[in-house]
N, C-alpha and C. Protein backbone atom coordinates (compact mmCIF):
# COMPACT_ATOMS: atom_id res chain seq x y z
N MET A 1 132.14 111.30 63.04
CA MET A 1 131.32 111.14 64.24
C MET A 1 131.36 109.70 64.75
N LYS A 2 131.36 108.75 63.84
CA LYS A 2 131.43 107.35 64.25
C LYS A 2 132.70 107.09 65.04
N LYS A 3 133.78 107.73 64.65
CA LYS A 3 135.06 107.54 65.32
C LYS A 3 134.98 108.03 66.77
N ASN A 4 134.31 109.18 67.02
CA ASN A 4 134.18 109.71 68.37
C ASN A 4 133.33 108.80 69.24
N LEU A 5 132.22 108.28 68.71
CA LEU A 5 131.36 107.38 69.49
C LEU A 5 132.11 106.09 69.80
N GLU A 6 132.84 105.60 68.83
CA GLU A 6 133.60 104.38 69.05
C GLU A 6 134.63 104.59 70.15
N SER A 7 135.30 105.71 70.12
CA SER A 7 136.31 106.00 71.12
C SER A 7 135.69 106.14 72.50
N LEU A 8 134.56 106.83 72.60
CA LEU A 8 133.89 106.98 73.88
C LEU A 8 133.45 105.62 74.42
N TYR A 9 132.89 104.79 73.55
CA TYR A 9 132.46 103.45 73.94
C TYR A 9 133.64 102.64 74.46
N GLU A 10 134.74 102.71 73.76
CA GLU A 10 135.94 101.99 74.18
C GLU A 10 136.51 102.57 75.47
N MET A 11 136.44 103.91 75.63
CA MET A 11 136.93 104.54 76.85
C MET A 11 136.14 104.07 78.06
N LEU A 12 134.86 103.79 77.86
CA LEU A 12 134.02 103.33 78.97
C LEU A 12 134.16 101.83 79.21
N GLY A 13 135.07 101.21 78.49
CA GLY A 13 135.33 99.79 78.71
C GLY A 13 134.52 98.87 77.83
N GLY A 14 133.86 99.40 76.84
CA GLY A 14 133.04 98.58 75.96
C GLY A 14 133.88 97.81 74.95
N ILE A 15 133.45 96.62 74.66
CA ILE A 15 134.10 95.78 73.66
C ILE A 15 133.06 95.52 72.58
N HIS A 16 133.50 95.52 71.34
CA HIS A 16 132.55 95.29 70.27
C HIS A 16 133.16 94.33 69.24
N ARG A 17 132.31 93.86 68.36
CA ARG A 17 132.74 93.02 67.25
C ARG A 17 132.15 93.62 65.97
N GLU A 18 132.75 93.31 64.85
CA GLU A 18 132.26 93.83 63.59
C GLU A 18 131.51 92.73 62.84
N GLU A 19 130.29 93.04 62.44
CA GLU A 19 129.48 92.12 61.64
C GLU A 19 128.89 92.89 60.47
N ASN A 20 129.19 92.45 59.27
CA ASN A 20 128.67 93.06 58.04
C ASN A 20 128.92 94.57 58.00
N GLY A 21 130.09 94.99 58.46
CA GLY A 21 130.43 96.40 58.42
C GLY A 21 129.86 97.24 59.55
N HIS A 22 129.19 96.61 60.51
CA HIS A 22 128.61 97.32 61.65
C HIS A 22 129.31 96.89 62.93
N LEU A 23 129.51 97.84 63.83
CA LEU A 23 130.08 97.52 65.13
C LEU A 23 128.96 97.14 66.09
N ILE A 24 129.02 95.93 66.60
CA ILE A 24 128.00 95.41 67.50
C ILE A 24 128.61 95.27 68.89
N PRO A 25 127.99 95.90 69.92
CA PRO A 25 128.53 95.75 71.27
C PRO A 25 128.42 94.30 71.75
N ASN A 26 129.44 93.83 72.43
CA ASN A 26 129.41 92.50 73.04
C ASN A 26 128.76 92.63 74.41
N VAL A 27 127.46 92.46 74.44
CA VAL A 27 126.69 92.59 75.68
C VAL A 27 126.13 91.21 76.01
N THR A 28 126.39 90.75 77.22
CA THR A 28 125.85 89.47 77.65
C THR A 28 125.22 89.64 79.02
N LEU A 29 124.28 88.76 79.31
CA LEU A 29 123.66 88.76 80.63
C LEU A 29 124.62 88.13 81.63
N PRO A 30 124.60 88.58 82.87
CA PRO A 30 125.46 87.96 83.88
C PRO A 30 125.03 86.51 84.14
N GLU A 31 125.92 85.77 84.75
CA GLU A 31 125.62 84.38 85.09
C GLU A 31 124.38 84.31 85.99
N GLN A 32 123.54 83.35 85.72
CA GLN A 32 122.33 83.15 86.50
C GLN A 32 122.49 81.92 87.40
N THR A 33 121.87 81.93 88.54
CA THR A 33 121.82 80.74 89.37
C THR A 33 120.75 79.81 88.79
N ASP A 34 120.70 78.61 89.29
CA ASP A 34 119.76 77.63 88.73
C ASP A 34 118.98 76.94 89.84
N TYR A 35 118.38 77.72 90.74
CA TYR A 35 117.55 77.15 91.80
C TYR A 35 116.27 76.61 91.20
N GLN A 36 115.75 75.56 91.80
CA GLN A 36 114.43 75.07 91.42
C GLN A 36 113.40 76.04 91.99
N ILE A 37 112.49 76.47 91.17
CA ILE A 37 111.48 77.44 91.59
C ILE A 37 110.15 76.71 91.76
N GLY A 38 109.55 76.88 92.93
CA GLY A 38 108.29 76.22 93.23
C GLY A 38 107.08 77.04 92.83
N LYS A 39 105.95 76.62 93.34
CA LYS A 39 104.66 77.22 92.99
C LYS A 39 104.62 78.73 93.18
N TYR A 40 105.02 79.19 94.35
CA TYR A 40 104.89 80.61 94.66
C TYR A 40 105.91 81.45 93.90
N GLY A 41 107.09 80.92 93.64
CA GLY A 41 108.07 81.62 92.82
C GLY A 41 107.58 81.78 91.39
N ARG A 42 106.95 80.72 90.84
CA ARG A 42 106.42 80.81 89.48
C ARG A 42 105.24 81.78 89.42
N MET A 43 104.42 81.80 90.46
CA MET A 43 103.30 82.75 90.49
C MET A 43 103.83 84.19 90.52
N HIS A 44 104.89 84.42 91.31
CA HIS A 44 105.47 85.76 91.38
C HIS A 44 106.08 86.14 90.03
N LEU A 45 106.72 85.20 89.37
CA LEU A 45 107.29 85.46 88.04
C LEU A 45 106.20 85.89 87.06
N ASP A 46 105.10 85.16 87.02
CA ASP A 46 103.99 85.54 86.14
C ASP A 46 103.47 86.93 86.48
N TYR A 47 103.38 87.22 87.78
CA TYR A 47 102.88 88.53 88.22
C TYR A 47 103.80 89.66 87.77
N ILE A 48 105.10 89.52 88.00
CA ILE A 48 105.99 90.64 87.63
C ILE A 48 106.14 90.76 86.12
N LYS A 49 106.01 89.66 85.40
CA LYS A 49 106.05 89.76 83.93
C LYS A 49 104.85 90.56 83.41
N GLN A 50 103.70 90.38 84.02
CA GLN A 50 102.48 91.04 83.56
C GLN A 50 102.29 92.44 84.13
N HIS A 51 102.67 92.64 85.40
CA HIS A 51 102.31 93.89 86.08
C HIS A 51 103.50 94.75 86.54
N ARG A 52 104.69 94.20 86.56
CA ARG A 52 105.88 94.92 87.02
C ARG A 52 107.03 94.69 86.05
N ARG A 53 106.82 95.11 84.80
CA ARG A 53 107.81 94.85 83.74
C ARG A 53 109.18 95.42 84.07
N GLY A 54 109.23 96.58 84.66
CA GLY A 54 110.52 97.20 85.00
C GLY A 54 111.29 96.36 86.00
N ARG A 55 110.61 95.92 87.04
CA ARG A 55 111.24 95.07 88.06
C ARG A 55 111.73 93.77 87.43
N TYR A 56 110.89 93.17 86.58
CA TYR A 56 111.27 91.92 85.91
C TYR A 56 112.52 92.12 85.06
N THR A 57 112.54 93.17 84.26
CA THR A 57 113.68 93.43 83.37
C THR A 57 114.95 93.71 84.18
N THR A 58 114.83 94.47 85.24
CA THR A 58 115.99 94.77 86.08
C THR A 58 116.55 93.51 86.71
N LEU A 59 115.69 92.70 87.30
CA LEU A 59 116.17 91.45 87.92
C LEU A 59 116.81 90.53 86.89
N LEU A 60 116.22 90.46 85.72
CA LEU A 60 116.75 89.60 84.66
C LEU A 60 118.11 90.08 84.19
N THR A 61 118.24 91.36 83.90
CA THR A 61 119.50 91.88 83.37
C THR A 61 120.61 91.92 84.41
N GLU A 62 120.26 92.02 85.68
CA GLU A 62 121.27 92.00 86.74
C GLU A 62 121.63 90.59 87.16
N GLY A 63 120.95 89.59 86.60
CA GLY A 63 121.24 88.20 86.94
C GLY A 63 120.69 87.78 88.29
N LYS A 64 119.69 88.49 88.80
CA LYS A 64 119.16 88.22 90.13
C LYS A 64 117.75 87.63 90.11
N LEU A 65 117.20 87.35 88.94
CA LEU A 65 115.82 86.89 88.84
C LEU A 65 115.63 85.54 89.52
N ASN A 66 116.47 84.57 89.20
CA ASN A 66 116.30 83.23 89.76
C ASN A 66 116.47 83.24 91.27
N VAL A 67 117.43 84.01 91.76
CA VAL A 67 117.65 84.10 93.21
C VAL A 67 116.43 84.72 93.89
N ARG A 68 115.89 85.77 93.31
CA ARG A 68 114.72 86.44 93.91
C ARG A 68 113.50 85.53 93.91
N LEU A 69 113.29 84.80 92.82
CA LEU A 69 112.15 83.88 92.77
C LEU A 69 112.31 82.77 93.80
N HIS A 70 113.53 82.31 93.98
CA HIS A 70 113.81 81.28 95.00
C HIS A 70 113.53 81.83 96.40
N GLU A 71 113.95 83.07 96.66
CA GLU A 71 113.69 83.70 97.96
C GLU A 71 112.19 83.85 98.21
N ILE A 72 111.46 84.29 97.20
CA ILE A 72 110.00 84.46 97.32
C ILE A 72 109.37 83.11 97.64
N ASP A 73 109.79 82.07 96.94
CA ASP A 73 109.23 80.74 97.14
C ASP A 73 109.49 80.24 98.56
N LEU A 74 110.71 80.39 99.04
CA LEU A 74 111.04 79.97 100.41
C LEU A 74 110.26 80.76 101.44
N GLU A 75 110.22 82.07 101.27
CA GLU A 75 109.50 82.93 102.21
C GLU A 75 108.01 82.58 102.24
N ALA A 76 107.42 82.36 101.07
CA ALA A 76 106.00 82.04 101.00
C ALA A 76 105.71 80.71 101.68
N ASN A 77 106.53 79.70 101.43
CA ASN A 77 106.31 78.39 102.05
C ASN A 77 106.47 78.43 103.56
N GLU A 78 107.49 79.16 104.04
CA GLU A 78 107.69 79.28 105.49
C GLU A 78 106.51 80.01 106.13
N MET A 79 106.06 81.09 105.49
CA MET A 79 104.95 81.85 106.03
C MET A 79 103.67 81.01 106.03
N LEU A 80 103.46 80.24 104.97
CA LEU A 80 102.29 79.38 104.87
C LEU A 80 102.26 78.36 106.02
N GLU A 81 103.38 77.69 106.24
CA GLU A 81 103.45 76.71 107.33
C GLU A 81 103.19 77.36 108.68
N SER A 82 103.77 78.53 108.90
CA SER A 82 103.59 79.24 110.16
C SER A 82 102.13 79.64 110.38
N ILE A 83 101.50 80.17 109.37
CA ILE A 83 100.10 80.60 109.49
C ILE A 83 99.19 79.40 109.70
N ILE A 84 99.44 78.32 108.98
CA ILE A 84 98.61 77.12 109.15
C ILE A 84 98.71 76.60 110.58
N ALA A 85 99.92 76.51 111.10
CA ALA A 85 100.10 76.03 112.49
C ALA A 85 99.41 76.96 113.48
N HIS A 86 99.54 78.28 113.28
CA HIS A 86 98.92 79.24 114.18
C HIS A 86 97.39 79.14 114.14
N LEU A 87 96.82 79.11 112.94
CA LEU A 87 95.37 79.05 112.81
C LEU A 87 94.80 77.73 113.34
N ALA A 88 95.52 76.64 113.10
CA ALA A 88 95.05 75.34 113.60
C ALA A 88 95.04 75.33 115.13
N ALA A 89 96.08 75.86 115.73
CA ALA A 89 96.13 75.93 117.20
C ALA A 89 95.05 76.86 117.73
N GLU A 90 94.85 77.98 117.06
CA GLU A 90 93.85 78.95 117.48
C GLU A 90 92.44 78.37 117.43
N ARG A 91 92.15 77.54 116.44
CA ARG A 91 90.82 76.96 116.27
C ARG A 91 90.66 75.60 116.93
N GLY A 92 91.71 75.13 117.58
CA GLY A 92 91.63 73.85 118.29
C GLY A 92 91.62 72.63 117.37
N ILE A 93 92.21 72.75 116.20
CA ILE A 93 92.28 71.65 115.26
C ILE A 93 93.58 70.90 115.56
N ASP A 94 93.45 69.69 116.14
CA ASP A 94 94.65 68.94 116.54
C ASP A 94 94.49 67.46 116.23
N GLU A 95 95.43 66.68 116.70
CA GLU A 95 95.44 65.23 116.43
C GLU A 95 94.25 64.53 117.11
N ASN A 96 93.77 65.06 118.22
CA ASN A 96 92.60 64.47 118.88
C ASN A 96 91.37 64.55 117.97
N LEU A 97 91.18 65.71 117.35
CA LEU A 97 90.06 65.87 116.42
C LEU A 97 90.24 64.95 115.22
N LYS A 98 91.48 64.83 114.76
CA LYS A 98 91.77 63.96 113.62
C LYS A 98 91.40 62.51 113.94
N ALA A 99 91.68 62.07 115.15
CA ALA A 99 91.36 60.70 115.55
C ALA A 99 89.85 60.50 115.73
N ARG A 100 89.16 61.52 116.27
CA ARG A 100 87.73 61.42 116.55
C ARG A 100 86.86 61.60 115.30
N ASP A 101 87.18 62.64 114.51
CA ASP A 101 86.33 63.00 113.38
C ASP A 101 87.22 63.42 112.20
N THR A 102 87.69 62.44 111.46
CA THR A 102 88.65 62.68 110.38
C THR A 102 88.09 63.61 109.31
N LEU A 103 86.85 63.44 108.92
CA LEU A 103 86.27 64.28 107.87
C LEU A 103 86.21 65.75 108.30
N ARG A 104 85.83 65.99 109.54
CA ARG A 104 85.79 67.36 110.02
C ARG A 104 87.20 67.95 110.06
N TRP A 105 88.18 67.13 110.52
CA TRP A 105 89.56 67.59 110.57
C TRP A 105 90.05 68.00 109.17
N VAL A 106 89.75 67.16 108.16
CA VAL A 106 90.16 67.45 106.78
C VAL A 106 89.50 68.74 106.29
N ALA A 107 88.23 68.88 106.55
CA ALA A 107 87.51 70.09 106.13
C ALA A 107 88.10 71.34 106.79
N GLU A 108 88.35 71.26 108.09
CA GLU A 108 88.92 72.41 108.82
C GLU A 108 90.32 72.75 108.31
N MET A 109 91.13 71.72 108.08
CA MET A 109 92.50 71.96 107.60
C MET A 109 92.49 72.55 106.18
N ASN A 110 91.58 72.09 105.34
CA ASN A 110 91.47 72.67 104.00
C ASN A 110 91.07 74.14 104.07
N ASN A 111 90.15 74.45 104.97
CA ASN A 111 89.72 75.83 105.17
C ASN A 111 90.89 76.69 105.66
N ILE A 112 91.64 76.17 106.62
CA ILE A 112 92.79 76.89 107.16
C ILE A 112 93.84 77.11 106.07
N LYS A 113 94.11 76.08 105.28
CA LYS A 113 95.12 76.21 104.22
C LYS A 113 94.70 77.26 103.19
N SER A 114 93.44 77.27 102.82
CA SER A 114 92.95 78.27 101.87
C SER A 114 93.10 79.68 102.43
N SER A 115 92.74 79.85 103.68
CA SER A 115 92.88 81.17 104.32
C SER A 115 94.34 81.60 104.38
N ALA A 116 95.20 80.67 104.78
CA ALA A 116 96.63 80.98 104.89
C ALA A 116 97.22 81.32 103.52
N GLU A 117 96.80 80.59 102.50
CA GLU A 117 97.33 80.84 101.16
C GLU A 117 96.90 82.21 100.64
N GLU A 118 95.68 82.63 100.95
CA GLU A 118 95.24 83.97 100.54
C GLU A 118 96.14 85.04 101.16
N ILE A 119 96.50 84.87 102.41
CA ILE A 119 97.37 85.82 103.10
C ILE A 119 98.75 85.85 102.45
N VAL A 120 99.30 84.66 102.18
CA VAL A 120 100.63 84.55 101.57
C VAL A 120 100.65 85.19 100.19
N LEU A 121 99.63 84.93 99.40
CA LEU A 121 99.57 85.50 98.06
C LEU A 121 99.53 87.03 98.12
N ARG A 122 98.72 87.54 99.02
CA ARG A 122 98.57 89.00 99.15
C ARG A 122 99.82 89.67 99.68
N GLU A 123 100.51 89.04 100.65
CA GLU A 123 101.62 89.70 101.32
C GLU A 123 103.00 89.36 100.77
N VAL A 124 103.13 88.26 100.04
CA VAL A 124 104.46 87.86 99.55
C VAL A 124 104.51 87.77 98.03
N VAL A 125 103.57 87.08 97.44
CA VAL A 125 103.65 86.77 96.01
C VAL A 125 103.26 87.94 95.13
N TYR A 126 102.15 88.58 95.42
CA TYR A 126 101.65 89.66 94.57
C TYR A 126 102.03 91.03 95.11
N VAL A 127 103.31 91.21 95.32
CA VAL A 127 103.83 92.49 95.84
C VAL A 127 104.80 93.05 94.83
């Protein structure tokens, strides 16, 4: 029976090595990219490791994990900047306010950033 399994494995293109009398398949992960992953990419990684194990394992074994985390990070940062600019314009938070009342401007911008980040986390990172 071992001979038939070995032949089938070899027929499917499998390569193996012998260690201590056992045939061990030569299985390696594909080459990975090495993008720097920012805050939102790392948050997504933690999320899929804890809540989406299948997705994490698939991305890892296909060699696409680093690329996907980089894409998530870029998308989240772009969306964050866009939402912040939109909300600031909508609420009239501009350079004039910054010059007149710096503390109010800082408080408003912090509020806007927190709101924008909640949206980004919900729609990009924790999906």
